[in-house]
């Protein structure tokens, strides 16, 4: 009887799996937040510019900034957070619930968060493929 021996580099496999998981989580989260940003209605630009991305604790602070690019920069922060933690994407302006739930904007009558969250499985599938 012949015995075949082989060695599996378990530590390397585990490290690669963790890296791949982080990549999928980061890309899917970034795509979700980017979709929220793109679906956020723009009047003065202030609401779109007030998205904040943080890890561990939500940041409800607001700014007078009206540069819509700020939201994209905030979404990009999610690419630096490892899988396993809580990542928040928050807008602290008081009229946010009206935009999300009351159809207060013709640009986003169905809101932006609920619509983007409903698409999340697409972002995960896209991240897995890349």
Protein backbone atom coordinates (compact mmCIF):
# COMPACT_ATOMS: atom_id res chain seq x y z
CA UNK A 1 0.00 0.00 0.00
CA UNK A 2 1.35 3.34 -1.04
CA UNK A 3 0.88 6.35 1.18
CA UNK A 4 0.73 9.72 -0.43
CA UNK A 5 1.73 12.63 1.69
CA UNK A 6 1.02 16.23 0.99
CA UNK A 7 1.26 19.43 2.87
CA UNK A 8 -1.30 22.21 2.93
CA UNK A 9 -0.05 25.68 3.84
CA UNK A 10 -2.99 26.33 6.19
CA UNK A 11 -1.63 29.63 7.41
CA UNK A 12 -1.30 30.90 3.83
CA UNK A 13 -4.78 29.68 2.91
CA UNK A 14 -6.28 31.31 5.98
CA UNK A 15 -4.48 34.58 5.27
CA UNK A 16 -5.67 34.55 1.65
CA UNK A 17 -9.27 33.77 2.67
CA UNK A 18 -9.20 36.62 5.17
CA UNK A 19 -7.76 39.00 2.58
CA UNK A 20 -10.40 37.96 0.06
CA UNK A 21 -13.18 38.36 2.62
CA UNK A 22 -11.92 41.84 3.50
CA UNK A 23 -11.80 42.78 -0.17
CA UNK A 24 -15.35 41.56 -0.81
CA UNK A 25 -16.71 43.32 2.28
CA UNK A 26 -14.88 46.55 1.50
CA UNK A 27 -15.92 46.64 -2.16
CA UNK A 28 -19.55 45.74 -1.46
CA UNK A 29 -19.77 48.32 1.33
CA UNK A 30 -18.18 50.99 -0.85
CA UNK A 31 -20.58 50.20 -3.70
CA UNK A 32 -23.54 50.41 -1.31
CA UNK A 33 -22.44 53.77 0.09
CA UNK A 34 -21.66 55.07 -3.41
CA UNK A 35 -25.15 54.10 -4.54
CA UNK A 36 -26.63 55.99 -1.58
CA UNK A 37 -24.59 59.05 -2.54
CA UNK A 38 -25.65 58.91 -6.17
CA UNK A 39 -29.30 58.50 -5.21
CA UNK A 40 -29.17 61.39 -2.74
CA UNK A 41 -31.14 64.31 -4.16
CA UNK A 42 -29.28 67.54 -4.76
CA UNK A 43 -30.83 70.97 -4.30
CA UNK A 44 -28.16 73.07 -2.66
CA UNK A 45 -25.79 70.08 -2.31
CA UNK A 46 -25.75 70.31 1.46
CA UNK A 47 -27.60 67.07 2.13
CA UNK A 48 -25.35 65.04 -0.17
CA UNK A 49 -22.27 66.66 1.35
CA UNK A 50 -23.33 65.65 4.87
CA UNK A 51 -22.82 61.90 4.64
CA UNK A 52 -20.29 60.69 7.22
CA UNK A 53 -18.56 57.30 7.15
CA UNK A 54 -17.16 55.99 10.41
CA UNK A 55 -16.38 52.72 12.12
CA UNK A 56 -17.53 51.69 15.60
CA UNK A 57 -19.63 54.81 16.35
CA UNK A 58 -21.99 56.86 14.18
CA UNK A 59 -21.04 60.46 13.38
CA UNK A 60 -24.16 62.63 13.24
CA UNK A 61 -22.21 65.88 12.93
CA UNK A 62 -23.17 68.27 10.14
CA UNK A 63 -21.35 70.75 7.97
CA UNK A 64 -22.29 73.75 5.86
CA UNK A 65 -20.23 72.21 3.05
CA UNK A 66 -22.15 71.90 -0.25
CA UNK A 67 -19.48 70.12 -2.28
CA UNK A 68 -21.08 66.83 -3.41
CA UNK A 69 -17.60 65.31 -3.79
CA UNK A 70 -17.34 65.21 0.00
CA UNK A 71 -19.85 62.34 0.11
CA UNK A 72 -17.77 60.28 -2.30
CA UNK A 73 -14.69 60.88 -0.16
CA UNK A 74 -16.64 59.71 2.87
CA UNK A 75 -17.79 56.56 1.04
CA UNK A 76 -14.16 55.81 0.12
CA UNK A 77 -13.30 55.57 3.81
CA UNK A 78 -15.15 52.24 3.88
CA UNK A 79 -12.35 50.75 1.75
CA UNK A 80 -10.03 51.09 4.78
CA UNK A 81 -12.20 49.25 7.32
CA UNK A 82 -11.60 45.53 7.89
CA UNK A 83 -14.42 43.02 7.78
CA UNK A 84 -16.01 42.17 11.10
CA UNK A 85 -16.62 45.64 12.47
CA UNK A 86 -19.60 47.95 12.20
CA UNK A 87 -19.39 50.68 9.60
CA UNK A 88 -21.80 53.60 9.69
CA UNK A 89 -22.90 55.85 6.85
CA UNK A 90 -24.91 58.60 8.49
CA UNK A 91 -26.42 61.91 7.52
CA UNK A 92 -27.17 64.09 10.54
CA UNK A 93 -29.31 66.72 8.83
CA UNK A 94 -32.78 66.79 10.43
CA UNK A 95 -34.72 66.54 7.18
CA UNK A 96 -33.17 63.20 6.20
CA UNK A 97 -36.17 61.14 7.35
CA UNK A 98 -38.47 63.27 5.20
CA UNK A 99 -36.29 62.63 2.16
CA UNK A 100 -36.09 58.91 2.91
CA UNK A 101 -39.64 58.12 4.00
CA UNK A 102 -41.99 60.92 2.93
CA UNK A 103 -41.15 61.37 -0.75
CA UNK A 104 -39.98 64.90 -0.01
CA UNK A 105 -37.83 64.97 -3.15
CA UNK A 106 -38.88 64.48 -6.75
CA UNK A 107 -35.33 63.33 -7.47
CA UNK A 108 -35.58 60.47 -4.95
CA UNK A 109 -39.26 59.88 -4.17
CA UNK A 110 -38.53 56.36 -2.84
CA UNK A 111 -35.60 57.50 -0.73
CA UNK A 112 -32.00 56.56 -1.18
CA UNK A 113 -31.10 54.18 1.63
CA UNK A 114 -33.93 51.67 1.26
CA UNK A 115 -33.49 51.50 -2.50
CA UNK A 116 -29.73 51.00 -2.21
CA UNK A 117 -30.03 48.40 0.56
CA UNK A 118 -32.47 46.44 -1.60
CA UNK A 119 -29.70 46.27 -4.23
CA UNK A 120 -27.01 45.10 -1.77
CA UNK A 121 -26.92 41.51 -3.02
CA UNK A 122 -25.88 42.88 -6.42
CA UNK A 123 -22.96 44.70 -4.81
CA UNK A 124 -21.84 41.54 -3.02
CA UNK A 125 -22.01 39.47 -6.22
CA UNK A 126 -20.05 42.15 -8.07
CA UNK A 127 -17.39 42.25 -5.33
CA UNK A 128 -17.02 38.46 -5.36
CA UNK A 129 -16.47 38.43 -9.11
CA UNK A 130 -13.80 41.12 -9.08
